Amino acid sequence: VLKDFEDIPSRDNFKVTKKIPLHGVEVCNINPKVINEFNLGFDVDKGVVVADVLNGSFAQRLGLVIGDVLLSINDNEISDVSSFKNIVSNESNLNLGFLVRVLRKGRILTVGIR
């Protein structure tokens, strides 16, 4: 019998349309259904999941892929979509370059532009 995975907290999908290095990425909150849907295969309790990446976008050129978990931007921890929005909307967070900590298939990577 397949167990239904809960879609709580809500996904609260958010797409970056601002011309910053994450332009073209769509993220959502992490919940049991998202973990199952994106086959994350590990217990994730913080960050946001990359739900989509616009072809030809800055986010794609950074190397972000669907299923990545974004953990921080310039050492600002990401707990959910709300904190992600706050970080990317604050220009002072992005002035000295752009480093994103990413969890991909159980490994932590850092991608960015200096």
N, C-alpha and C. Protein backbone atom coordinates (compact mmCIF):
# COMPACT_ATOMS: atom_id res chain seq x y z
N VAL A 1 0.85 -1.18 0.00
CA VAL A 1 0.00 0.00 0.00
C VAL A 1 0.89 1.24 0.00
N LEU A 2 0.67 2.12 -0.96
CA LEU A 2 1.44 3.36 -1.02
C LEU A 2 0.89 4.37 -0.03
N LYS A 3 1.79 4.97 0.70
CA LYS A 3 1.40 5.98 1.67
C LYS A 3 1.31 7.33 0.95
N ASP A 4 0.27 8.09 1.24
CA ASP A 4 0.18 9.45 0.69
C ASP A 4 1.15 10.34 1.44
N PHE A 5 1.95 11.08 0.69
CA PHE A 5 2.89 12.00 1.30
C PHE A 5 2.21 13.34 1.47
N GLU A 6 2.42 13.96 2.62
CA GLU A 6 1.76 15.23 2.92
C GLU A 6 2.41 16.37 2.16
N ASP A 7 1.57 17.26 1.65
CA ASP A 7 2.03 18.46 0.94
C ASP A 7 1.96 19.65 1.91
N ILE A 8 2.49 19.42 3.14
CA ILE A 8 2.47 20.43 4.20
C ILE A 8 3.89 20.55 4.75
N PRO A 9 4.48 21.72 4.91
CA PRO A 9 3.89 23.03 4.61
C PRO A 9 3.68 23.19 3.11
N SER A 10 2.89 24.20 2.75
CA SER A 10 2.59 24.41 1.33
C SER A 10 3.87 24.69 0.57
N ARG A 11 3.85 24.39 -0.72
CA ARG A 11 5.03 24.56 -1.57
C ARG A 11 5.42 26.03 -1.72
N ASP A 12 4.44 26.91 -1.84
CA ASP A 12 4.69 28.35 -1.96
C ASP A 12 5.70 28.65 -3.06
N ASN A 13 5.50 28.06 -4.25
CA ASN A 13 6.44 28.23 -5.37
C ASN A 13 6.72 29.70 -5.63
N PHE A 14 7.98 29.99 -5.94
CA PHE A 14 8.42 31.36 -6.23
C PHE A 14 9.44 31.32 -7.36
N LYS A 15 9.21 32.14 -8.39
CA LYS A 15 10.10 32.21 -9.53
C LYS A 15 10.85 33.54 -9.50
N VAL A 16 12.19 33.48 -9.65
CA VAL A 16 13.01 34.68 -9.68
C VAL A 16 12.93 35.28 -11.08
N THR A 17 12.37 36.50 -11.16
CA THR A 17 12.25 37.19 -12.44
C THR A 17 13.19 38.38 -12.52
N LYS A 18 13.77 38.73 -11.38
CA LYS A 18 14.73 39.83 -11.30
C LYS A 18 16.03 39.44 -12.00
N LYS A 19 16.67 40.40 -12.64
CA LYS A 19 17.91 40.10 -13.38
C LYS A 19 19.10 40.02 -12.42
N ILE A 20 19.15 38.92 -11.69
CA ILE A 20 20.25 38.61 -10.78
C ILE A 20 20.75 37.22 -11.18
N PRO A 21 21.86 36.75 -10.62
CA PRO A 21 22.38 35.44 -11.04
C PRO A 21 21.42 34.25 -10.86
N LEU A 22 20.37 34.40 -10.07
CA LEU A 22 19.40 33.31 -9.93
C LEU A 22 18.17 33.49 -10.82
N HIS A 23 18.21 34.46 -11.73
CA HIS A 23 17.10 34.68 -12.65
C HIS A 23 16.77 33.37 -13.37
N GLY A 24 15.48 33.03 -13.38
CA GLY A 24 15.02 31.84 -14.10
C GLY A 24 14.86 30.60 -13.24
N VAL A 25 15.19 30.70 -11.95
CA VAL A 25 14.98 29.54 -11.08
C VAL A 25 13.62 29.67 -10.40
N GLU A 26 12.96 28.53 -10.25
CA GLU A 26 11.72 28.46 -9.47
C GLU A 26 11.97 27.52 -8.32
N VAL A 27 11.65 27.98 -7.11
CA VAL A 27 11.90 27.17 -5.92
C VAL A 27 10.59 26.91 -5.18
N CYS A 28 10.62 25.91 -4.32
CA CYS A 28 9.45 25.63 -3.48
C CYS A 28 9.93 25.13 -2.13
N ASN A 29 9.02 25.21 -1.15
CA ASN A 29 9.31 24.71 0.19
C ASN A 29 9.47 23.20 0.17
N ILE A 30 10.16 22.72 1.18
CA ILE A 30 10.37 21.28 1.32
C ILE A 30 9.27 20.71 2.21
N ASN A 31 8.69 19.62 1.77
CA ASN A 31 7.73 18.87 2.57
C ASN A 31 7.82 17.40 2.14
N PRO A 32 7.16 16.48 2.82
CA PRO A 32 7.29 15.06 2.47
C PRO A 32 6.94 14.74 1.01
N LYS A 33 5.92 15.39 0.48
CA LYS A 33 5.53 15.13 -0.90
C LYS A 33 6.60 15.60 -1.88
N VAL A 34 7.20 16.77 -1.62
CA VAL A 34 8.26 17.31 -2.47
C VAL A 34 9.49 16.39 -2.41
N ILE A 35 9.85 15.93 -1.21
CA ILE A 35 10.99 15.01 -1.06
C ILE A 35 10.77 13.77 -1.91
N ASN A 36 9.55 13.22 -1.88
CA ASN A 36 9.23 12.04 -2.67
C ASN A 36 9.20 12.35 -4.16
N GLU A 37 8.56 13.45 -4.54
CA GLU A 37 8.40 13.82 -5.95
C GLU A 37 9.73 14.05 -6.65
N PHE A 38 10.67 14.69 -5.96
CA PHE A 38 11.97 15.00 -6.55
C PHE A 38 13.01 13.92 -6.25
N ASN A 39 12.56 12.80 -5.65
CA ASN A 39 13.44 11.68 -5.34
C ASN A 39 14.70 12.14 -4.62
N LEU A 40 14.52 13.00 -3.61
CA LEU A 40 15.67 13.53 -2.91
C LEU A 40 16.42 12.43 -2.16
N GLY A 41 15.70 11.44 -1.68
CA GLY A 41 16.33 10.26 -1.11
C GLY A 41 17.10 10.48 0.18
N PHE A 42 16.95 11.62 0.80
CA PHE A 42 17.59 11.88 2.07
C PHE A 42 16.72 12.82 2.85
N ASP A 43 16.95 12.88 4.15
CA ASP A 43 16.10 13.69 5.01
C ASP A 43 16.57 15.14 4.97
N VAL A 44 15.77 15.99 4.36
CA VAL A 44 16.10 17.41 4.21
C VAL A 44 15.15 18.21 5.08
N ASP A 45 15.69 19.09 5.92
CA ASP A 45 14.81 19.85 6.80
C ASP A 45 14.98 21.36 6.67
N LYS A 46 15.82 21.81 5.74
CA LYS A 46 15.97 23.25 5.52
C LYS A 46 16.33 23.50 4.07
N GLY A 47 16.20 24.76 3.66
CA GLY A 47 16.48 25.11 2.28
C GLY A 47 15.21 25.11 1.45
N VAL A 48 15.40 25.32 0.15
CA VAL A 48 14.30 25.27 -0.82
C VAL A 48 14.74 24.38 -1.97
N VAL A 49 13.77 23.73 -2.61
CA VAL A 49 14.06 22.84 -3.72
C VAL A 49 13.88 23.58 -5.04
N VAL A 50 14.82 23.36 -5.95
CA VAL A 50 14.68 23.92 -7.30
C VAL A 50 13.62 23.09 -8.02
N ALA A 51 12.48 23.73 -8.31
CA ALA A 51 11.36 23.06 -8.98
C ALA A 51 11.45 23.19 -10.50
N ASP A 52 12.12 24.25 -10.97
CA ASP A 52 12.24 24.47 -12.41
C ASP A 52 13.39 25.44 -12.67
N VAL A 53 13.99 25.31 -13.85
CA VAL A 53 15.05 26.23 -14.28
C VAL A 53 14.75 26.60 -15.73
N LEU A 54 14.60 27.90 -15.96
CA LEU A 54 14.29 28.40 -17.30
C LEU A 54 15.47 28.18 -18.22
N ASN A 55 15.21 27.60 -19.39
CA ASN A 55 16.25 27.34 -20.38
C ASN A 55 16.92 28.65 -20.80
N GLY A 56 18.25 28.69 -20.77
CA GLY A 56 19.00 29.87 -21.18
C GLY A 56 19.13 30.94 -20.10
N SER A 57 18.63 30.68 -18.91
CA SER A 57 18.63 31.68 -17.83
C SER A 57 19.98 31.72 -17.11
N PHE A 58 20.14 32.76 -16.28
CA PHE A 58 21.33 32.86 -15.42
C PHE A 58 21.43 31.62 -14.53
N ALA A 59 20.31 31.21 -13.97
CA ALA A 59 20.31 30.05 -13.06
C ALA A 59 20.82 28.80 -13.77
N GLN A 60 20.44 28.62 -15.02
CA GLN A 60 20.92 27.47 -15.78
C GLN A 60 22.43 27.59 -16.01
N ARG A 61 22.89 28.79 -16.32
CA ARG A 61 24.33 29.00 -16.54
C ARG A 61 25.14 28.78 -15.26
N LEU A 62 24.52 29.02 -14.10
CA LEU A 62 25.18 28.73 -12.82
C LEU A 62 25.30 27.22 -12.60
N GLY A 63 24.52 26.45 -13.34
CA GLY A 63 24.56 25.00 -13.21
C GLY A 63 23.50 24.41 -12.31
N LEU A 64 22.52 25.24 -11.90
CA LEU A 64 21.45 24.71 -11.06
C LEU A 64 20.56 23.77 -11.86
N VAL A 65 20.12 22.71 -11.21
CA VAL A 65 19.25 21.73 -11.87
C VAL A 65 18.05 21.43 -10.98
N ILE A 66 16.98 20.97 -11.61
CA ILE A 66 15.78 20.59 -10.87
C ILE A 66 16.15 19.52 -9.84
N GLY A 67 15.67 19.72 -8.61
CA GLY A 67 15.96 18.80 -7.52
C GLY A 67 17.08 19.26 -6.61
N ASP A 68 17.84 20.28 -7.03
CA ASP A 68 18.85 20.84 -6.13
C ASP A 68 18.16 21.45 -4.93
N VAL A 69 18.81 21.41 -3.78
CA VAL A 69 18.31 22.08 -2.57
C VAL A 69 19.24 23.25 -2.29
N LEU A 70 18.70 24.47 -2.34
CA LEU A 70 19.50 25.67 -2.07
C LEU A 70 19.52 25.89 -0.56
N LEU A 71 20.73 25.91 0.01
CA LEU A 71 20.90 26.00 1.47
C LEU A 71 21.23 27.41 1.94
N SER A 72 22.02 28.15 1.15
CA SER A 72 22.38 29.51 1.54
C SER A 72 22.83 30.31 0.33
N ILE A 73 22.74 31.62 0.46
CA ILE A 73 23.24 32.56 -0.53
C ILE A 73 24.13 33.54 0.23
N ASN A 74 25.41 33.60 -0.16
CA ASN A 74 26.37 34.48 0.51
C ASN A 74 26.31 34.34 2.03
N ASP A 75 26.31 33.12 2.51
CA ASP A 75 26.28 32.79 3.94
C ASP A 75 24.98 33.17 4.65
N ASN A 76 23.96 33.58 3.91
CA ASN A 76 22.62 33.81 4.48
C ASN A 76 21.84 32.51 4.34
N GLU A 77 21.58 31.86 5.48
CA GLU A 77 20.89 30.56 5.46
C GLU A 77 19.48 30.69 4.90
N ILE A 78 19.08 29.71 4.12
CA ILE A 78 17.73 29.65 3.56
C ILE A 78 16.96 28.58 4.34
N SER A 79 15.87 29.00 5.00
CA SER A 79 15.06 28.03 5.73
C SER A 79 13.82 27.63 4.95
N ASP A 80 13.32 28.56 4.11
CA ASP A 80 12.10 28.31 3.36
C ASP A 80 11.99 29.35 2.24
N VAL A 81 10.89 29.30 1.48
CA VAL A 81 10.70 30.23 0.37
C VAL A 81 10.69 31.68 0.85
N SER A 82 10.10 31.92 2.01
CA SER A 82 10.04 33.29 2.53
C SER A 82 11.44 33.85 2.77
N SER A 83 12.31 33.08 3.39
CA SER A 83 13.68 33.57 3.64
C SER A 83 14.44 33.70 2.33
N PHE A 84 14.20 32.81 1.37
CA PHE A 84 14.82 32.90 0.05
C PHE A 84 14.43 34.22 -0.62
N LYS A 85 13.13 34.55 -0.58
CA LYS A 85 12.65 35.82 -1.17
C LYS A 85 13.34 37.02 -0.53
N ASN A 86 13.46 37.01 0.80
CA ASN A 86 14.11 38.12 1.51
C ASN A 86 15.56 38.27 1.07
N ILE A 87 16.27 37.18 0.94
CA ILE A 87 17.68 37.24 0.56
C ILE A 87 17.84 37.78 -0.86
N VAL A 88 17.06 37.25 -1.82
CA VAL A 88 17.25 37.69 -3.21
C VAL A 88 16.69 39.08 -3.47
N SER A 89 15.83 39.58 -2.59
CA SER A 89 15.30 40.93 -2.79
C SER A 89 16.18 42.00 -2.17
N ASN A 90 17.15 41.59 -1.35
CA ASN A 90 18.04 42.53 -0.67
C ASN A 90 19.33 42.70 -1.49
N GLU A 91 19.42 43.81 -2.21
CA GLU A 91 20.56 44.06 -3.10
C GLU A 91 21.90 43.99 -2.37
N SER A 92 21.95 44.41 -1.11
CA SER A 92 23.23 44.41 -0.39
C SER A 92 23.76 42.99 -0.19
N ASN A 93 22.88 42.00 -0.23
CA ASN A 93 23.32 40.60 -0.12
C ASN A 93 24.10 40.16 -1.35
N LEU A 94 23.93 40.88 -2.46
CA LEU A 94 24.45 40.41 -3.74
C LEU A 94 25.60 41.26 -4.27
N ASN A 95 26.02 42.29 -3.53
CA ASN A 95 27.01 43.24 -4.03
C ASN A 95 28.41 42.67 -4.20
N LEU A 96 28.82 41.75 -3.36
CA LEU A 96 30.21 41.27 -3.37
C LEU A 96 30.37 39.94 -4.08
N GLY A 97 29.53 39.66 -5.02
CA GLY A 97 29.55 38.37 -5.68
C GLY A 97 28.37 37.55 -5.21
N PHE A 98 28.37 36.32 -5.63
CA PHE A 98 27.19 35.51 -5.43
C PHE A 98 27.61 34.06 -5.23
N LEU A 99 27.54 33.56 -4.01
CA LEU A 99 27.87 32.17 -3.73
C LEU A 99 26.65 31.46 -3.17
N VAL A 100 26.30 30.36 -3.79
CA VAL A 100 25.13 29.59 -3.38
C VAL A 100 25.60 28.20 -2.94
N ARG A 101 25.23 27.82 -1.70
CA ARG A 101 25.49 26.45 -1.23
C ARG A 101 24.31 25.59 -1.65
N VAL A 102 24.62 24.48 -2.31
CA VAL A 102 23.62 23.61 -2.91
C VAL A 102 23.83 22.19 -2.42
N LEU A 103 22.73 21.54 -2.05
CA LEU A 103 22.76 20.12 -1.73
C LEU A 103 22.24 19.37 -2.95
N ARG A 104 23.10 18.53 -3.53
CA ARG A 104 22.71 17.77 -4.72
C ARG A 104 23.08 16.30 -4.51
N LYS A 105 22.07 15.46 -4.47
CA LYS A 105 22.26 14.01 -4.31
C LYS A 105 23.17 13.69 -3.12
N GLY A 106 22.92 14.38 -1.99
CA GLY A 106 23.65 14.10 -0.77
C GLY A 106 24.99 14.80 -0.63
N ARG A 107 25.41 15.56 -1.64
CA ARG A 107 26.69 16.27 -1.58
C ARG A 107 26.45 17.77 -1.57
N ILE A 108 27.27 18.50 -0.80
CA ILE A 108 27.16 19.95 -0.77
C ILE A 108 28.16 20.56 -1.75
N LEU A 109 27.64 21.42 -2.62
CA LEU A 109 28.45 22.11 -3.63
C LEU A 109 28.31 23.60 -3.42
N THR A 110 29.27 24.36 -3.90
CA THR A 110 29.16 25.80 -3.90
C THR A 110 29.29 26.28 -5.33
N VAL A 111 28.30 27.05 -5.78
CA VAL A 111 28.34 27.62 -7.13
C VAL A 111 28.21 29.13 -7.01
N GLY A 112 28.77 29.85 -7.96
CA GLY A 112 28.61 31.30 -7.88
C GLY A 112 29.45 32.10 -8.83
N ILE A 113 29.32 33.40 -8.67
CA ILE A 113 30.01 34.39 -9.48
C ILE A 113 30.67 35.35 -8.52
N ARG A 114 31.92 35.66 -8.75
CA ARG A 114 32.65 36.63 -7.91
C ARG A 114 32.91 37.88 -8.73
